[in-house]
């Protein structure tokens, strides 16, 4: 088996997801109303939801008691 490549992330998952959502929204803003634009906006909403879930899952309120 080959070795797994390790990538050290310099930005948090939430930051990368927010950037991806912004890129998708920007691309959608240059398209006329239609199916392709809606697909990009839907993908942006999915990425934003994932980012919010990640924030929620790592929030101090969800940490087990010590």
PDB file of N, CA and C in Angstrom:
ATOM      1  N   UNK A   1       0.837  -1.189   0.000  1.00  0.00           N
ATOM      2  CA  UNK A   1       0.000   0.000   0.000  1.00  0.00           C
ATOM      3  C   UNK A   1       0.875   1.244   0.000  1.00  0.00           C
ATOM      4  N   UNK A   2       0.383   2.267  -0.696  1.00  0.00           N
ATOM      5  CA  UNK A   2       1.119   3.520  -0.746  1.00  0.00           C
ATOM      6  C   UNK A   2       0.944   4.316   0.538  1.00  0.00           C
ATOM      7  N   UNK A   3       1.849   5.225   0.757  1.00  0.00           N
ATOM      8  CA  UNK A   3       1.750   6.066   1.939  1.00  0.00           C
ATOM      9  C   UNK A   3       0.703   7.141   1.716  1.00  0.00           C
ATOM     10  N   UNK A   4       0.036   7.483   2.779  1.00  0.00           N
ATOM     11  CA  UNK A   4      -0.970   8.537   2.719  1.00  0.00           C
ATOM     12  C   UNK A   4      -0.278   9.893   2.812  1.00  0.00           C
ATOM     13  N   UNK A   5      -0.656  10.762   1.896  1.00  0.00           N
ATOM     14  CA  UNK A   5      -0.080  12.102   1.923  1.00  0.00           C
ATOM     15  C   UNK A   5      -0.698  12.898   3.061  1.00  0.00           C
ATOM     16  N   UNK A   6       0.120  13.604   3.783  1.00  0.00           N
ATOM     17  CA  UNK A   6      -0.349  14.456   4.875  1.00  0.00           C
ATOM     18  C   UNK A   6      -0.286  15.905   4.419  1.00  0.00           C
ATOM     19  N   UNK A   7      -1.378  16.601   4.612  1.00  0.00           N
ATOM     20  CA  UNK A   7      -1.432  18.012   4.269  1.00  0.00           C
ATOM     21  C   UNK A   7      -1.695  18.785   5.551  1.00  0.00           C
ATOM     22  N   UNK A   8      -0.830  19.722   5.863  1.00  0.00           N
ATOM     23  CA  UNK A   8      -1.006  20.547   7.046  1.00  0.00           C
ATOM     24  C   UNK A   8      -1.804  21.781   6.632  1.00  0.00           C
ATOM     25  N   UNK A   9      -2.975  21.918   7.221  1.00  0.00           N
ATOM     26  CA  UNK A   9      -3.837  23.051   6.888  1.00  0.00           C
ATOM     27  C   UNK A   9      -3.409  24.272   7.697  1.00  0.00           C
ATOM     28  N   UNK A  10      -3.323  25.404   7.034  1.00  0.00           N
ATOM     29  CA  UNK A  10      -2.947  26.634   7.719  1.00  0.00           C
ATOM     30  C   UNK A  10      -4.174  27.438   8.135  1.00  0.00           C
ATOM     31  N   UNK A  11      -5.338  27.059   7.592  1.00  0.00           N
ATOM     32  CA  UNK A  11      -6.583  27.748   7.948  1.00  0.00           C
ATOM     33  C   UNK A  11      -7.578  26.714   8.456  1.00  0.00           C
ATOM     34  N   UNK A  12      -8.497  27.166   9.287  1.00  0.00           N
ATOM     35  CA  UNK A  12      -9.477  26.240   9.849  1.00  0.00           C
ATOM     36  C   UNK A  12     -10.456  25.770   8.769  1.00  0.00           C
ATOM     37  N   UNK A  13     -11.100  24.669   9.069  1.00  0.00           N
ATOM     38  CA  UNK A  13     -12.112  24.135   8.166  1.00  0.00           C
ATOM     39  C   UNK A  13     -13.195  25.180   7.909  1.00  0.00           C
ATOM     40  N   UNK A  14     -13.603  25.873   8.961  1.00  0.00           N
ATOM     41  CA  UNK A  14     -14.650  26.887   8.823  1.00  0.00           C
ATOM     42  C   UNK A  14     -14.223  28.006   7.877  1.00  0.00           C
ATOM     43  N   UNK A  15     -12.959  28.428   7.971  1.00  0.00           N
ATOM     44  CA  UNK A  15     -12.455  29.486   7.081  1.00  0.00           C
ATOM     45  C   UNK A  15     -12.446  29.014   5.631  1.00  0.00           C
ATOM     46  N   UNK A  16     -11.992  27.777   5.420  1.00  0.00           N
ATOM     47  CA  UNK A  16     -11.943  27.250   4.054  1.00  0.00           C
ATOM     48  C   UNK A  16     -13.347  27.092   3.483  1.00  0.00           C
ATOM     49  N   UNK A  17     -14.286  26.657   4.308  1.00  0.00           N
ATOM     50  CA  UNK A  17     -15.664  26.495   3.845  1.00  0.00           C
ATOM     51  C   UNK A  17     -16.303  27.849   3.534  1.00  0.00           C
ATOM     52  N   UNK A  18     -16.048  28.848   4.370  1.00  0.00           N
ATOM     53  CA  UNK A  18     -16.590  30.185   4.124  1.00  0.00           C
ATOM     54  C   UNK A  18     -16.034  30.744   2.816  1.00  0.00           C
ATOM     55  N   UNK A  19     -14.755  30.525   2.563  1.00  0.00           N
ATOM     56  CA  UNK A  19     -14.153  30.999   1.318  1.00  0.00           C
ATOM     57  C   UNK A  19     -14.797  30.298   0.116  1.00  0.00           C
ATOM     58  N   UNK A  20     -15.002  28.983   0.238  1.00  0.00           N
ATOM     59  CA  UNK A  20     -15.622  28.233  -0.856  1.00  0.00           C
ATOM     60  C   UNK A  20     -17.036  28.753  -1.124  1.00  0.00           C
ATOM     61  N   UNK A  21     -17.801  29.025  -0.060  1.00  0.00           N
ATOM     62  CA  UNK A  21     -19.159  29.543  -0.225  1.00  0.00           C
ATOM     63  C   UNK A  21     -19.124  30.892  -0.941  1.00  0.00           C
ATOM     64  N   UNK A  22     -18.175  31.743  -0.568  1.00  0.00           N
ATOM     65  CA  UNK A  22     -18.060  33.053  -1.222  1.00  0.00           C
ATOM     66  C   UNK A  22     -17.705  32.912  -2.702  1.00  0.00           C
ATOM     67  N   UNK A  23     -16.829  31.983  -3.016  1.00  0.00           N
ATOM     68  CA  UNK A  23     -16.450  31.751  -4.419  1.00  0.00           C
ATOM     69  C   UNK A  23     -17.668  31.301  -5.221  1.00  0.00           C
ATOM     70  N   UNK A  24     -18.437  30.375  -4.654  1.00  0.00           N
ATOM     71  CA  UNK A  24     -19.626  29.882  -5.355  1.00  0.00           C
ATOM     72  C   UNK A  24     -20.647  30.998  -5.568  1.00  0.00           C
ATOM     73  N   UNK A  25     -20.852  31.828  -4.544  1.00  0.00           N
ATOM     74  CA  UNK A  25     -21.801  32.941  -4.674  1.00  0.00           C
ATOM     75  C   UNK A  25     -21.331  33.941  -5.717  1.00  0.00           C
ATOM     76  N   UNK A  26     -20.036  34.209  -5.740  1.00  0.00           N
ATOM     77  CA  UNK A  26     -19.476  35.144  -6.718  1.00  0.00           C
ATOM     78  C   UNK A  26     -19.687  34.619  -8.133  1.00  0.00           C
ATOM     79  N   UNK A  27     -19.393  33.335  -8.332  1.00  0.00           N
ATOM     80  CA  UNK A  27     -19.593  32.737  -9.661  1.00  0.00           C
ATOM     81  C   UNK A  27     -21.066  32.819 -10.059  1.00  0.00           C
ATOM     82  N   UNK A  28     -21.968  32.549  -9.111  1.00  0.00           N
ATOM     83  CA  UNK A  28     -23.403  32.579  -9.390  1.00  0.00           C
ATOM     84  C   UNK A  28     -23.863  33.988  -9.749  1.00  0.00           C
ATOM     85  N   UNK A  29     -23.244  34.996  -9.127  1.00  0.00           N
ATOM     86  CA  UNK A  29     -23.679  36.376  -9.374  1.00  0.00           C
ATOM     87  C   UNK A  29     -23.409  36.823 -10.807  1.00  0.00           C
ATOM     88  N   UNK A  30     -22.517  36.126 -11.504  1.00  0.00           N
ATOM     89  CA  UNK A  30     -22.188  36.479 -12.886  1.00  0.00           C
ATOM     90  C   UNK A  30     -23.029  35.712 -13.911  1.00  0.00           C
ATOM     91  N   UNK A  31     -23.912  34.863 -13.402  1.00  0.00           N
ATOM     92  CA  UNK A  31     -24.744  34.064 -14.298  1.00  0.00           C
ATOM     93  C   UNK A  31     -26.161  34.619 -14.349  1.00  0.00           C
ATOM     94  N   UNK A  32     -26.835  34.449 -15.479  1.00  0.00           N
ATOM     95  CA  UNK A  32     -28.243  34.842 -15.542  1.00  0.00           C
ATOM     96  C   UNK A  32     -29.082  33.854 -14.721  1.00  0.00           C
ATOM     97  N   UNK A  33     -30.276  34.284 -14.351  1.00  0.00           N
ATOM     98  CA  UNK A  33     -31.179  33.400 -13.614  1.00  0.00           C
ATOM     99  C   UNK A  33     -31.364  32.117 -14.410  1.00  0.00           C
ATOM    100  N   UNK A  34     -31.317  31.005 -13.704  1.00  0.00           N
ATOM    101  CA  UNK A  34     -31.478  29.729 -14.384  1.00  0.00           C
ATOM    102  C   UNK A  34     -30.939  28.593 -13.550  1.00  0.00           C
ATOM    103  N   UNK A  35     -30.938  27.413 -14.131  1.00  0.00           N
ATOM    104  CA  UNK A  35     -30.573  26.193 -13.415  1.00  0.00           C
ATOM    105  C   UNK A  35     -29.124  26.212 -12.929  1.00  0.00           C
ATOM    106  N   UNK A  36     -28.197  26.653 -13.780  1.00  0.00           N
ATOM    107  CA  UNK A  36     -26.780  26.632 -13.393  1.00  0.00           C
ATOM    108  C   UNK A  36     -26.534  27.546 -12.190  1.00  0.00           C
ATOM    109  N   UNK A  37     -27.145  28.729 -12.223  1.00  0.00           N
ATOM    110  CA  UNK A  37     -26.997  29.671 -11.102  1.00  0.00           C
ATOM    111  C   UNK A  37     -27.586  29.071  -9.824  1.00  0.00           C
ATOM    112  N   UNK A  38     -28.737  28.435  -9.932  1.00  0.00           N
ATOM    113  CA  UNK A  38     -29.382  27.842  -8.763  1.00  0.00           C
ATOM    114  C   UNK A  38     -28.537  26.717  -8.170  1.00  0.00           C
ATOM    115  N   UNK A  39     -27.884  25.947  -9.034  1.00  0.00           N
ATOM    116  CA  UNK A  39     -27.013  24.870  -8.549  1.00  0.00           C
ATOM    117  C   UNK A  39     -25.862  25.457  -7.734  1.00  0.00           C
ATOM    118  N   UNK A  40     -25.246  26.520  -8.230  1.00  0.00           N
ATOM    119  CA  UNK A  40     -24.134  27.146  -7.503  1.00  0.00           C
ATOM    120  C   UNK A  40     -24.609  27.714  -6.171  1.00  0.00           C
ATOM    121  N   UNK A  41     -25.769  28.365  -6.162  1.00  0.00           N
ATOM    122  CA  UNK A  41     -26.285  28.931  -4.917  1.00  0.00           C
ATOM    123  C   UNK A  41     -26.650  27.829  -3.921  1.00  0.00           C
ATOM    124  N   UNK A  42     -27.164  26.718  -4.415  1.00  0.00           N
ATOM    125  CA  UNK A  42     -27.495  25.591  -3.542  1.00  0.00           C
ATOM    126  C   UNK A  42     -26.221  25.021  -2.925  1.00  0.00           C
ATOM    127  N   UNK A  43     -25.175  24.871  -3.745  1.00  0.00           N
ATOM    128  CA  UNK A  43     -23.895  24.371  -3.224  1.00  0.00           C
ATOM    129  C   UNK A  43     -23.339  25.317  -2.162  1.00  0.00           C
ATOM    130  N   UNK A  44     -23.469  26.639  -2.386  1.00  0.00           N
ATOM    131  CA  UNK A  44     -22.991  27.622  -1.411  1.00  0.00           C
ATOM    132  C   UNK A  44     -23.749  27.461  -0.093  1.00  0.00           C
ATOM    133  N   UNK A  45     -25.071  27.257  -0.156  1.00  0.00           N
ATOM    134  CA  UNK A  45     -25.861  27.078   1.066  1.00  0.00           C
ATOM    135  C   UNK A  45     -25.444  25.808   1.800  1.00  0.00           C
ATOM    136  N   UNK A  46     -25.169  24.745   1.058  1.00  0.00           N
ATOM    137  CA  UNK A  46     -24.739  23.483   1.674  1.00  0.00           C
ATOM    138  C   UNK A  46     -23.406  23.670   2.397  1.00  0.00           C
ATOM    139  N   UNK A  47     -22.471  24.362   1.749  1.00  0.00           N
ATOM    140  CA  UNK A  47     -21.160  24.602   2.360  1.00  0.00           C
ATOM    141  C   UNK A  47     -21.322  25.459   3.611  1.00  0.00           C
ATOM    142  N   UNK A  48     -22.166  26.493   3.552  1.00  0.00           N
ATOM    143  CA  UNK A  48     -22.390  27.342   4.721  1.00  0.00           C
ATOM    144  C   UNK A  48     -23.011  26.544   5.865  1.00  0.00           C
ATOM    145  N   UNK A  49     -23.943  25.671   5.550  1.00  0.00           N
ATOM    146  CA  UNK A  49     -24.559  24.835   6.581  1.00  0.00           C
ATOM    147  C   UNK A  49     -23.511  23.933   7.221  1.00  0.00           C
ATOM    148  N   UNK A  50     -22.639  23.365   6.413  1.00  0.00           N
ATOM    149  CA  UNK A  50     -21.559  22.538   6.944  1.00  0.00           C
ATOM    150  C   UNK A  50     -20.648  23.310   7.867  1.00  0.00           C
ATOM    151  N   UNK A  51     -20.361  24.543   7.506  1.00  0.00           N
ATOM    152  CA  UNK A  51     -19.514  25.384   8.337  1.00  0.00           C
ATOM    153  C   UNK A  51     -20.189  25.669   9.676  1.00  0.00           C
ATOM    154  N   UNK A  52     -21.480  25.973   9.644  1.00  0.00           N
ATOM    155  CA  UNK A  52     -22.218  26.249  10.884  1.00  0.00           C
ATOM    156  C   UNK A  52     -22.269  24.995  11.764  1.00  0.00           C
ATOM    157  N   UNK A  53     -22.454  23.828  11.150  1.00  0.00           N
ATOM    158  CA  UNK A  53     -22.480  22.583  11.920  1.00  0.00           C
ATOM    159  C   UNK A  53     -21.118  22.325  12.562  1.00  0.00           C
ATOM    160  N   UNK A  54     -20.060  22.583  11.825  1.00  0.00           N
ATOM    161  CA  UNK A  54     -18.721  22.387  12.367  1.00  0.00           C
ATOM    162  C   UNK A  54     -18.493  23.314  13.561  1.00  0.00           C
ATOM    163  N   UNK A  55     -18.907  24.581  13.429  1.00  0.00           N
ATOM    164  CA  UNK A  55     -18.800  25.526  14.548  1.00  0.00           C
ATOM    165  C   UNK A  55     -19.574  25.003  15.757  1.00  0.00           C
ATOM    166  N   UNK A  56     -20.780  24.537  15.502  1.00  0.00           N
ATOM    167  CA  UNK A  56     -21.638  24.057  16.571  1.00  0.00           C
ATOM    168  C   UNK A  56     -21.035  22.840  17.260  1.00  0.00           C
ATOM    169  N   UNK A  57     -20.514  21.903  16.468  1.00  0.00           N
ATOM    170  CA  UNK A  57     -19.952  20.686  17.045  1.00  0.00           C
ATOM    171  C   UNK A  57     -18.705  20.942  17.878  1.00  0.00           C
ATOM    172  N   UNK A  58     -17.976  21.997  17.565  1.00  0.00           N
ATOM    173  CA  UNK A  58     -16.756  22.295  18.308  1.00  0.00           C
ATOM    174  C   UNK A  58     -16.969  23.372  19.367  1.00  0.00           C
ATOM    175  N   UNK A  59     -18.213  23.779  19.576  1.00  0.00           N
ATOM    176  CA  UNK A  59     -18.490  24.834  20.559  1.00  0.00           C
ATOM    177  C   UNK A  59     -18.262  24.322  21.976  1.00  0.00           C
ATOM    178  N   UNK A  60     -17.881  25.218  22.890  1.00  0.00           N
ATOM    179  CA  UNK A  60     -17.613  24.802  24.275  1.00  0.00           C
ATOM    180  C   UNK A  60     -18.853  24.204  24.951  1.00  0.00           C
ATOM    181  N   UNK A  61     -20.040  24.595  24.534  1.00  0.00           N
ATOM    182  CA  UNK A  61     -21.261  24.071  25.146  1.00  0.00           C
ATOM    183  C   UNK A  61     -21.456  22.591  24.913  1.00  0.00           C
ATOM    184  N   UNK A  62     -20.801  22.010  23.925  1.00  0.00           N
ATOM    185  CA  UNK A  62     -20.946  20.592  23.637  1.00  0.00           C
ATOM    186  C   UNK A  62     -19.828  19.737  24.214  1.00  0.00           C
ATOM    187  N   UNK A  63     -18.904  20.344  24.905  1.00  0.00           N
ATOM    188  CA  UNK A  63     -17.785  19.597  25.482  1.00  0.00           C
ATOM    189  C   UNK A  63     -18.257  18.793  26.685  1.00  0.00           C
ATOM    190  N   UNK A  64     -17.744  17.582  26.859  1.00  0.00           N
ATOM    191  CA  UNK A  64     -18.135  16.783  28.021  1.00  0.00           C
ATOM    192  C   UNK A  64     -17.638  17.439  29.310  1.00  0.00           C
ATOM    193  N   UNK A  65     -18.354  17.223  30.408  1.00  0.00           N
ATOM    194  CA  UNK A  65     -17.906  17.802  31.684  1.00  0.00           C
ATOM    195  C   UNK A  65     -16.566  17.216  32.092  1.00  0.00           C
ATOM    196  N   UNK A  66     -15.804  17.985  32.800  1.00  0.00           N
ATOM    197  CA  UNK A  66     -14.461  17.549  33.246  1.00  0.00           C
ATOM    198  C   UNK A  66     -14.505  17.098  34.679  1.00  0.00           C
TER     199      UNK A  66
END
